[in-house]
Amino acid sequence: MKIVATLKSRNEEKNIRNAIESYHDWVDCILLADGGSEDKTVEIASKYPKVFIRPFGIKYFREDGSWRNHEGKHLNFLFKWAKLCGADWIIHDDCDSIPNRNLRRDGRNIIENANSEIICTCRLYVYGSNQHFSKMAFMKDRWETSLWAWRTGVLKAENTQRHFTIENIERLSRLDLLPPQYCIRHHFAPNEEVIMKKVNDYKLEAPTAVHPRATYGEPEPLPEWAW
C-alpha cells in the first residue's frame, strides 16, 4: 500500500521541518506544492529524501492589492499529483499541524487496516507553545473531527478561493480517531502578533472575523496526551 502525505506551502520556513518530520518516517513520500515562498521553505524541504517539490502559481488578489494562492486549485493540484504517483491513500494537512505521538506511531497501521473511505481526527488549536482554545475542538459535549486521510479518488476539494471544503463528504464511510489517544495539534497562533495578523487577513474576505477569545474564551493548558 502506498501512502502519500501532501502539503501546500507559502513562506512556511518556521513550520516546514516539523511538518515533514511528522510523516517522513512512516509514509512512502511527501508531496509539497509551493505557492511562491520567498523564504527558506523550499531549501529546507529539499533536504529530505522522501520529499518531492513542485511550484504552484495560481493566485487571486484582494481589495488591498495583496494576493493568496487559490485554495481549491492548490489542493486539487496536490491530490491529482498524488494519484499520478500511485497513492492508495492520501493524507493532507497544513504545515503548522502536527500529529500527536500516538498518531505518528499508529498512523500507518491504522490506514493499512481501515475499512472506511476517509479517516477524520480532532484538531487542537494551539495558542503560544502550551495552551489551546479547548472550545474550538470540544463543543456540545463531543469532539469535533475533520478530514485527515482518504482513499485516492473518493473526493476532491471544491473550487473555492479559501478554506478546505469537500464535495459530498457526508456520503463517505468514515473512521474517527478521537482524543485522548489521537489528535493533531494545529499551531495556528504561536504569539499574539501572528494571531492578530491572521484575524486582520481574514477580515479582508470575512469582515466579521474576530480573535478566538471573543468566541471561545480564554485558552487552557494543552493536555499531556496532545504531544
C-alpha atoms as a PDB file:
ATOM      1  CA  MET A   1       0.000   0.000   0.000  1.00  0.00           C
ATOM      2  CA  LYS A   2       1.309   3.439  -0.923  1.00  0.00           C
ATOM      3  CA  ILE A   3       0.541   6.277   1.480  1.00  0.00           C
ATOM      4  CA  VAL A   4       1.284   9.803   0.282  1.00  0.00           C
ATOM      5  CA  ALA A   5       1.264  12.880   2.514  1.00  0.00           C
ATOM      6  CA  THR A   6       0.551  16.213   0.828  1.00  0.00           C
ATOM      7  CA  LEU A   7       1.456  19.730   1.961  1.00  0.00           C
ATOM      8  CA  LYS A   8       0.867  23.139   0.437  1.00  0.00           C
ATOM      9  CA  SER A   9       3.184  25.955   1.381  1.00  0.00           C
ATOM     10  CA  ARG A  10       3.987  29.609   1.050  1.00  0.00           C
ATOM     11  CA  ASN A  11       6.633  31.044   3.372  1.00  0.00           C
ATOM     12  CA  GLU A  12       6.451  28.186   5.870  1.00  0.00           C
ATOM     13  CA  GLU A  13      10.099  28.319   6.915  1.00  0.00           C
ATOM     14  CA  LYS A  14       9.207  28.137  10.614  1.00  0.00           C
ATOM     15  CA  ASN A  15       6.875  25.144  10.216  1.00  0.00           C
ATOM     16  CA  ILE A  16       8.040  23.037   7.292  1.00  0.00           C
ATOM     17  CA  ARG A  17      10.651  20.991   9.152  1.00  0.00           C
ATOM     18  CA  ASN A  18       8.221  19.818  11.842  1.00  0.00           C
ATOM     19  CA  ALA A  19       5.518  19.126   9.256  1.00  0.00           C
ATOM     20  CA  ILE A  20       7.807  16.932   7.168  1.00  0.00           C
ATOM     21  CA  GLU A  21       9.319  15.083  10.116  1.00  0.00           C
ATOM     22  CA  SER A  22       5.850  14.214  11.406  1.00  0.00           C
ATOM     23  CA  TYR A  23       5.341  11.972   8.362  1.00  0.00           C
ATOM     24  CA  HIS A  24       8.748  11.300   6.850  1.00  0.00           C
ATOM     25  CA  ASP A  25       9.464   8.061   8.719  1.00  0.00           C
ATOM     26  CA  TRP A  26       6.169   6.309   8.022  1.00  0.00           C
ATOM     27  CA  VAL A  27       4.659   7.452   4.713  1.00  0.00           C
ATOM     28  CA  ASP A  28       6.004   6.493   1.305  1.00  0.00           C
ATOM     29  CA  CYS A  29       6.516  10.033   0.075  1.00  0.00           C
ATOM     30  CA  ILE A  30       5.598  13.650   0.792  1.00  0.00           C
ATOM     31  CA  LEU A  31       4.447  15.986  -1.977  1.00  0.00           C
ATOM     32  CA  LEU A  32       4.946  19.714  -1.425  1.00  0.00           C
ATOM     33  CA  ALA A  33       3.224  22.208  -3.730  1.00  0.00           C
ATOM     34  CA  ASP A  34       4.884  25.536  -3.019  1.00  0.00           C
ATOM     35  CA  GLY A  35       2.872  28.620  -3.847  1.00  0.00           C
ATOM     36  CA  GLY A  36       5.680  31.154  -4.192  1.00  0.00           C
ATOM     37  CA  SER A  37       7.738  31.061  -0.996  1.00  0.00           C
ATOM     38  CA  GLU A  38      10.292  33.826  -0.593  1.00  0.00           C
ATOM     39  CA  ASP A  39      11.941  32.350   2.483  1.00  0.00           C
ATOM     40  CA  LYS A  40      13.823  29.054   3.028  1.00  0.00           C
ATOM     41  CA  THR A  41      10.776  26.745   2.823  1.00  0.00           C
ATOM     42  CA  VAL A  42      11.846  25.021  -0.395  1.00  0.00           C
ATOM     43  CA  GLU A  43      15.510  24.901   0.616  1.00  0.00           C
ATOM     44  CA  ILE A  44      14.673  23.124   3.882  1.00  0.00           C
ATOM     45  CA  ALA A  45      12.169  20.728   2.315  1.00  0.00           C
ATOM     46  CA  SER A  46      14.538  19.722  -0.483  1.00  0.00           C
ATOM     47  CA  LYS A  47      16.966  18.190   2.035  1.00  0.00           C
ATOM     48  CA  TYR A  48      14.580  15.320   2.835  1.00  0.00           C
ATOM     49  CA  PRO A  49      14.840  12.276   0.529  1.00  0.00           C
ATOM     50  CA  LYS A  50      11.134  11.434   0.558  1.00  0.00           C
ATOM     51  CA  VAL A  51      10.006  14.987  -0.281  1.00  0.00           C
ATOM     52  CA  PHE A  52       9.157  15.996  -3.841  1.00  0.00           C
ATOM     53  CA  ILE A  53       8.510  19.646  -4.668  1.00  0.00           C
ATOM     54  CA  ARG A  54       6.599  21.369  -7.435  1.00  0.00           C
ATOM     55  CA  PRO A  55       5.698  25.053  -7.830  1.00  0.00           C
ATOM     56  CA  PHE A  56       2.068  26.181  -7.764  1.00  0.00           C
ATOM     57  CA  GLY A  57       1.282  29.548  -9.321  1.00  0.00           C
ATOM     58  CA  ILE A  58      -2.475  30.131  -9.312  1.00  0.00           C
ATOM     59  CA  LYS A  59      -3.424  33.075  -7.097  1.00  0.00           C
ATOM     60  CA  TYR A  60      -6.106  35.675  -6.563  1.00  0.00           C
ATOM     61  CA  PHE A  61      -5.896  39.314  -5.486  1.00  0.00           C
ATOM     62  CA  ARG A  62      -7.781  41.048  -2.686  1.00  0.00           C
ATOM     63  CA  GLU A  63      -9.052  44.609  -2.347  1.00  0.00           C
ATOM     64  CA  ASP A  64      -5.861  45.824  -0.640  1.00  0.00           C
ATOM     65  CA  GLY A  65      -3.693  44.514  -3.506  1.00  0.00           C
ATOM     66  CA  SER A  66      -2.343  41.516  -1.592  1.00  0.00           C
ATOM     67  CA  TRP A  67      -2.691  38.020  -3.005  1.00  0.00           C
ATOM     68  CA  ARG A  68      -3.189  34.457  -1.864  1.00  0.00           C
ATOM     69  CA  ASN A  69      -2.894  31.079  -3.506  1.00  0.00           C
ATOM     70  CA  HIS A  70      -6.240  29.743  -4.726  1.00  0.00           C
ATOM     71  CA  GLU A  71      -7.092  27.166  -2.057  1.00  0.00           C
ATOM     72  CA  GLY A  72      -9.275  24.755  -4.013  1.00  0.00           C
ATOM     73  CA  LYS A  73      -6.984  24.632  -7.045  1.00  0.00           C
ATOM     74  CA  HIS A  74      -3.900  24.319  -4.845  1.00  0.00           C
ATOM     75  CA  LEU A  75      -5.390  21.303  -3.098  1.00  0.00           C
ATOM     76  CA  ASN A  76      -6.620  19.593  -6.255  1.00  0.00           C
ATOM     77  CA  PHE A  77      -3.188  20.128  -7.811  1.00  0.00           C
ATOM     78  CA  LEU A  78      -1.733  18.128  -4.929  1.00  0.00           C
ATOM     79  CA  PHE A  79      -4.404  15.431  -4.984  1.00  0.00           C
ATOM     80  CA  LYS A  80      -4.053  14.863  -8.736  1.00  0.00           C
ATOM     81  CA  TRP A  81      -0.276  14.660  -8.326  1.00  0.00           C
ATOM     82  CA  ALA A  82      -0.643  12.103  -5.521  1.00  0.00           C
ATOM     83  CA  LYS A  83      -2.896   9.973  -7.723  1.00  0.00           C
ATOM     84  CA  LEU A  84      -0.348  10.100 -10.547  1.00  0.00           C
ATOM     85  CA  CYS A  85       2.262   8.920  -8.047  1.00  0.00           C
ATOM     86  CA  GLY A  86       0.203   5.797  -7.396  1.00  0.00           C
ATOM     87  CA  ALA A  87      -1.128   6.705  -3.970  1.00  0.00           C
ATOM     88  CA  ASP A  88      -3.617   4.302  -2.414  1.00  0.00           C
ATOM     89  CA  TRP A  89      -4.236   6.741   0.447  1.00  0.00           C
ATOM     90  CA  ILE A  90      -3.713  10.498   0.627  1.00  0.00           C
ATOM     91  CA  ILE A  91      -3.030  12.471   3.798  1.00  0.00           C
ATOM     92  CA  HIS A  92      -3.373  16.236   3.850  1.00  0.00           C
ATOM     93  CA  ASP A  93      -2.795  18.871   6.481  1.00  0.00           C
ATOM     94  CA  ASP A  94      -1.380  22.353   6.961  1.00  0.00           C
ATOM     95  CA  CYS A  95       2.316  22.885   7.586  1.00  0.00           C
ATOM     96  CA  ASP A  96       1.567  24.151  11.096  1.00  0.00           C
ATOM     97  CA  SER A  97      -0.354  20.995  12.048  1.00  0.00           C
ATOM     98  CA  ILE A  98       1.420  18.135  13.835  1.00  0.00           C
ATOM     99  CA  PRO A  99       0.003  14.651  14.605  1.00  0.00           C
ATOM    100  CA  ASN A 100       0.471  13.690  18.242  1.00  0.00           C
ATOM    101  CA  ARG A 101       2.925  10.928  19.083  1.00  0.00           C
ATOM    102  CA  ASN A 102       0.250   8.203  19.134  1.00  0.00           C
ATOM    103  CA  LEU A 103      -0.989   9.129  15.665  1.00  0.00           C
ATOM    104  CA  ARG A 104       2.563   9.213  14.331  1.00  0.00           C
ATOM    105  CA  ARG A 105       3.224   5.816  15.892  1.00  0.00           C
ATOM    106  CA  ASP A 106      -0.004   4.164  14.738  1.00  0.00           C
ATOM    107  CA  GLY A 107      -0.831   6.125  11.582  1.00  0.00           C
ATOM    108  CA  ARG A 108       0.403   3.645   9.015  1.00  0.00           C
ATOM    109  CA  ASN A 109      -1.166   0.647  10.730  1.00  0.00           C
ATOM    110  CA  ILE A 110      -4.496   2.482  11.072  1.00  0.00           C
ATOM    111  CA  ILE A 111      -4.573   3.381   7.388  1.00  0.00           C
ATOM    112  CA  GLU A 112      -3.489  -0.057   6.183  1.00  0.00           C
ATOM    113  CA  ASN A 113      -6.266  -1.721   8.184  1.00  0.00           C
ATOM    114  CA  ALA A 114      -9.025   0.841   7.639  1.00  0.00           C
ATOM    115  CA  ASN A 115     -12.327  -0.355   6.155  1.00  0.00           C
ATOM    116  CA  SER A 116     -13.593   3.199   5.700  1.00  0.00           C
ATOM    117  CA  GLU A 117     -13.161   5.608   2.794  1.00  0.00           C
ATOM    118  CA  ILE A 118     -11.988   8.535   4.920  1.00  0.00           C
ATOM    119  CA  ILE A 119     -10.286   8.983   8.288  1.00  0.00           C
ATOM    120  CA  CYS A 120     -11.002  12.009  10.470  1.00  0.00           C
ATOM    121  CA  THR A 121      -9.412  13.227  13.665  1.00  0.00           C
ATOM    122  CA  CYS A 122      -9.650  16.096  16.131  1.00  0.00           C
ATOM    123  CA  ARG A 123      -7.551  19.252  15.852  1.00  0.00           C
ATOM    124  CA  LEU A 124      -6.486  21.134  18.946  1.00  0.00           C
ATOM    125  CA  TYR A 125      -5.989  24.830  18.186  1.00  0.00           C
ATOM    126  CA  VAL A 126      -2.746  25.747  19.933  1.00  0.00           C
ATOM    127  CA  TYR A 127      -2.099  29.225  21.305  1.00  0.00           C
ATOM    128  CA  GLY A 128       1.504  30.032  22.164  1.00  0.00           C
ATOM    129  CA  SER A 129       3.515  26.917  22.941  1.00  0.00           C
ATOM    130  CA  ASN A 130       1.431  25.087  25.543  1.00  0.00           C
ATOM    131  CA  GLN A 131      -2.156  26.369  25.543  1.00  0.00           C
ATOM    132  CA  HIS A 132      -5.161  25.760  23.321  1.00  0.00           C
ATOM    133  CA  PHE A 133      -8.679  27.025  22.738  1.00  0.00           C
ATOM    134  CA  SER A 134     -10.436  23.918  24.024  1.00  0.00           C
ATOM    135  CA  LYS A 135     -13.918  25.017  22.942  1.00  0.00           C
ATOM    136  CA  MET A 136     -12.797  25.064  19.302  1.00  0.00           C
ATOM    137  CA  ALA A 137     -12.314  21.292  19.490  1.00  0.00           C
ATOM    138  CA  PHE A 138     -14.848  20.130  22.084  1.00  0.00           C
ATOM    139  CA  MET A 139     -18.347  21.501  21.521  1.00  0.00           C
ATOM    140  CA  LYS A 140     -21.771  20.373  22.669  1.00  0.00           C
ATOM    141  CA  ASP A 141     -20.240  17.538  24.711  1.00  0.00           C
ATOM    142  CA  ARG A 142     -18.450  15.961  21.759  1.00  0.00           C
ATOM    143  CA  TRP A 143     -15.125  16.127  19.957  1.00  0.00           C
ATOM    144  CA  GLU A 144     -15.223  17.849  16.585  1.00  0.00           C
ATOM    145  CA  THR A 145     -13.353  15.859  13.947  1.00  0.00           C
ATOM    146  CA  SER A 146     -12.284  16.830  10.448  1.00  0.00           C
ATOM    147  CA  LEU A 147     -10.745  15.150   7.438  1.00  0.00           C
ATOM    148  CA  TRP A 148      -7.177  13.839   7.682  1.00  0.00           C
ATOM    149  CA  ALA A 149      -6.755  10.941   5.208  1.00  0.00           C
ATOM    150  CA  TRP A 150      -8.755   9.250   2.450  1.00  0.00           C
ATOM    151  CA  ARG A 151      -8.638   6.604  -0.249  1.00  0.00           C
ATOM    152  CA  THR A 152      -7.370   8.059  -3.505  1.00  0.00           C
ATOM    153  CA  GLY A 153     -10.150   9.094  -5.851  1.00  0.00           C
ATOM    154  CA  VAL A 154     -13.074   9.218  -3.424  1.00  0.00           C
ATOM    155  CA  LEU A 155     -13.129  13.014  -3.098  1.00  0.00           C
ATOM    156  CA  LYS A 156     -11.764  16.343  -4.286  1.00  0.00           C
ATOM    157  CA  ALA A 157     -11.685  19.881  -2.959  1.00  0.00           C
ATOM    158  CA  GLU A 158     -14.352  22.331  -4.011  1.00  0.00           C
ATOM    159  CA  ASN A 159     -13.243  25.119  -6.358  1.00  0.00           C
ATOM    160  CA  THR A 160     -13.173  27.796  -3.651  1.00  0.00           C
ATOM    161  CA  GLN A 161     -10.589  30.517  -3.192  1.00  0.00           C
ATOM    162  CA  ARG A 162     -10.263  29.936   0.515  1.00  0.00           C
ATOM    163  CA  HIS A 163     -10.851  27.142   3.030  1.00  0.00           C
ATOM    164  CA  PHE A 164     -10.644  23.389   2.592  1.00  0.00           C
ATOM    165  CA  THR A 165     -14.120  22.191   1.631  1.00  0.00           C
ATOM    166  CA  ILE A 166     -15.003  18.811   0.157  1.00  0.00           C
ATOM    167  CA  GLU A 167     -17.765  17.861  -2.248  1.00  0.00           C
ATOM    168  CA  ASN A 168     -20.379  15.480  -0.800  1.00  0.00           C
ATOM    169  CA  ILE A 169     -18.179  14.259   2.049  1.00  0.00           C
ATOM    170  CA  GLU A 170     -21.246  13.099   4.015  1.00  0.00           C
ATOM    171  CA  ARG A 171     -21.788  10.204   1.622  1.00  0.00           C
ATOM    172  CA  LEU A 172     -18.469   8.557   2.527  1.00  0.00           C
ATOM    173  CA  SER A 173     -17.849   5.931   5.211  1.00  0.00           C
ATOM    174  CA  ARG A 174     -15.559   7.289   7.915  1.00  0.00           C
ATOM    175  CA  LEU A 175     -13.361   6.333  10.821  1.00  0.00           C
ATOM    176  CA  ASP A 176     -12.998   8.890  13.625  1.00  0.00           C
ATOM    177  CA  LEU A 177      -9.762   8.933  15.648  1.00  0.00           C
ATOM    178  CA  LEU A 178     -10.567  10.644  18.945  1.00  0.00           C
ATOM    179  CA  PRO A 179      -8.726  12.150  21.912  1.00  0.00           C
ATOM    180  CA  PRO A 180      -7.177  11.376  24.251  1.00  0.00           C
ATOM    181  CA  GLN A 181      -5.493   8.723  22.131  1.00  0.00           C
ATOM    182  CA  TYR A 182      -5.256  10.619  18.851  1.00  0.00           C
ATOM    183  CA  CYS A 183      -5.275  14.245  17.795  1.00  0.00           C
ATOM    184  CA  ILE A 184      -3.490  16.824  15.678  1.00  0.00           C
ATOM    185  CA  ARG A 185      -2.003  19.973  17.179  1.00  0.00           C
ATOM    186  CA  HIS A 186      -2.738  22.953  14.954  1.00  0.00           C
ATOM    187  CA  HIS A 187      -0.126  25.567  15.887  1.00  0.00           C
ATOM    188  CA  PHE A 188      -2.039  28.412  14.299  1.00  0.00           C
ATOM    189  CA  ALA A 189      -1.197  31.095  16.878  1.00  0.00           C
ATOM    190  CA  PRO A 190       2.394  30.981  18.171  1.00  0.00           C
ATOM    191  CA  ASN A 191       2.015  34.503  19.572  1.00  0.00           C
ATOM    192  CA  GLU A 192      -0.417  37.409  19.732  1.00  0.00           C
ATOM    193  CA  GLU A 193       1.193  39.208  16.800  1.00  0.00           C
ATOM    194  CA  VAL A 194       0.620  36.238  14.492  1.00  0.00           C
ATOM    195  CA  ILE A 195      -2.963  35.665  15.562  1.00  0.00           C
ATOM    196  CA  MET A 196      -3.905  39.330  15.043  1.00  0.00           C
ATOM    197  CA  LYS A 197      -2.217  39.281  11.639  1.00  0.00           C
ATOM    198  CA  LYS A 198      -4.390  36.290  10.720  1.00  0.00           C
ATOM    199  CA  VAL A 199      -7.543  37.941  12.054  1.00  0.00           C
ATOM    200  CA  ASN A 200      -6.864  41.082  10.021  1.00  0.00           C
ATOM    201  CA  ASP A 201      -6.097  38.965   6.952  1.00  0.00           C
ATOM    202  CA  TYR A 202      -9.390  37.103   7.324  1.00  0.00           C
ATOM    203  CA  LYS A 203     -11.232  40.395   7.629  1.00  0.00           C
ATOM    204  CA  LEU A 204     -10.317  41.201   4.024  1.00  0.00           C
ATOM    205  CA  GLU A 205     -12.705  38.447   2.954  1.00  0.00           C
ATOM    206  CA  ALA A 206     -14.803  37.914   6.100  1.00  0.00           C
ATOM    207  CA  PRO A 207     -15.324  41.302   7.809  1.00  0.00           C
ATOM    208  CA  THR A 208     -16.836  39.707  10.932  1.00  0.00           C
ATOM    209  CA  ALA A 209     -13.659  37.755  11.793  1.00  0.00           C
ATOM    210  CA  VAL A 210     -12.609  38.185  15.447  1.00  0.00           C
ATOM    211  CA  HIS A 211      -9.951  36.966  17.860  1.00  0.00           C
ATOM    212  CA  PRO A 212     -10.761  33.405  19.059  1.00  0.00           C
ATOM    213  CA  ARG A 213     -11.069  34.722  22.609  1.00  0.00           C
ATOM    214  CA  ALA A 214     -14.199  36.593  21.578  1.00  0.00           C
ATOM    215  CA  THR A 215     -15.920  33.337  20.622  1.00  0.00           C
ATOM    216  CA  TYR A 216     -14.209  30.574  22.580  1.00  0.00           C
ATOM    217  CA  GLY A 217     -12.963  32.242  25.751  1.00  0.00           C
ATOM    218  CA  GLU A 218      -9.510  32.076  27.297  1.00  0.00           C
ATOM    219  CA  PRO A 219      -7.052  29.366  26.210  1.00  0.00           C
ATOM    220  CA  GLU A 220      -6.399  26.456  28.572  1.00  0.00           C
ATOM    221  CA  PRO A 221      -3.288  24.333  29.205  1.00  0.00           C
ATOM    222  CA  LEU A 222      -2.559  21.834  26.454  1.00  0.00           C
ATOM    223  CA  PRO A 223      -3.099  18.282  27.795  1.00  0.00           C
ATOM    224  CA  GLU A 224      -0.138  15.931  28.012  1.00  0.00           C
ATOM    225  CA  TRP A 225      -1.724  13.440  25.579  1.00  0.00           C
ATOM    226  CA  ALA A 226      -1.696  16.065  22.830  1.00  0.00           C
ATOM    227  CA  TRP A 227       2.074  15.736  22.419  1.00  0.00           C
END
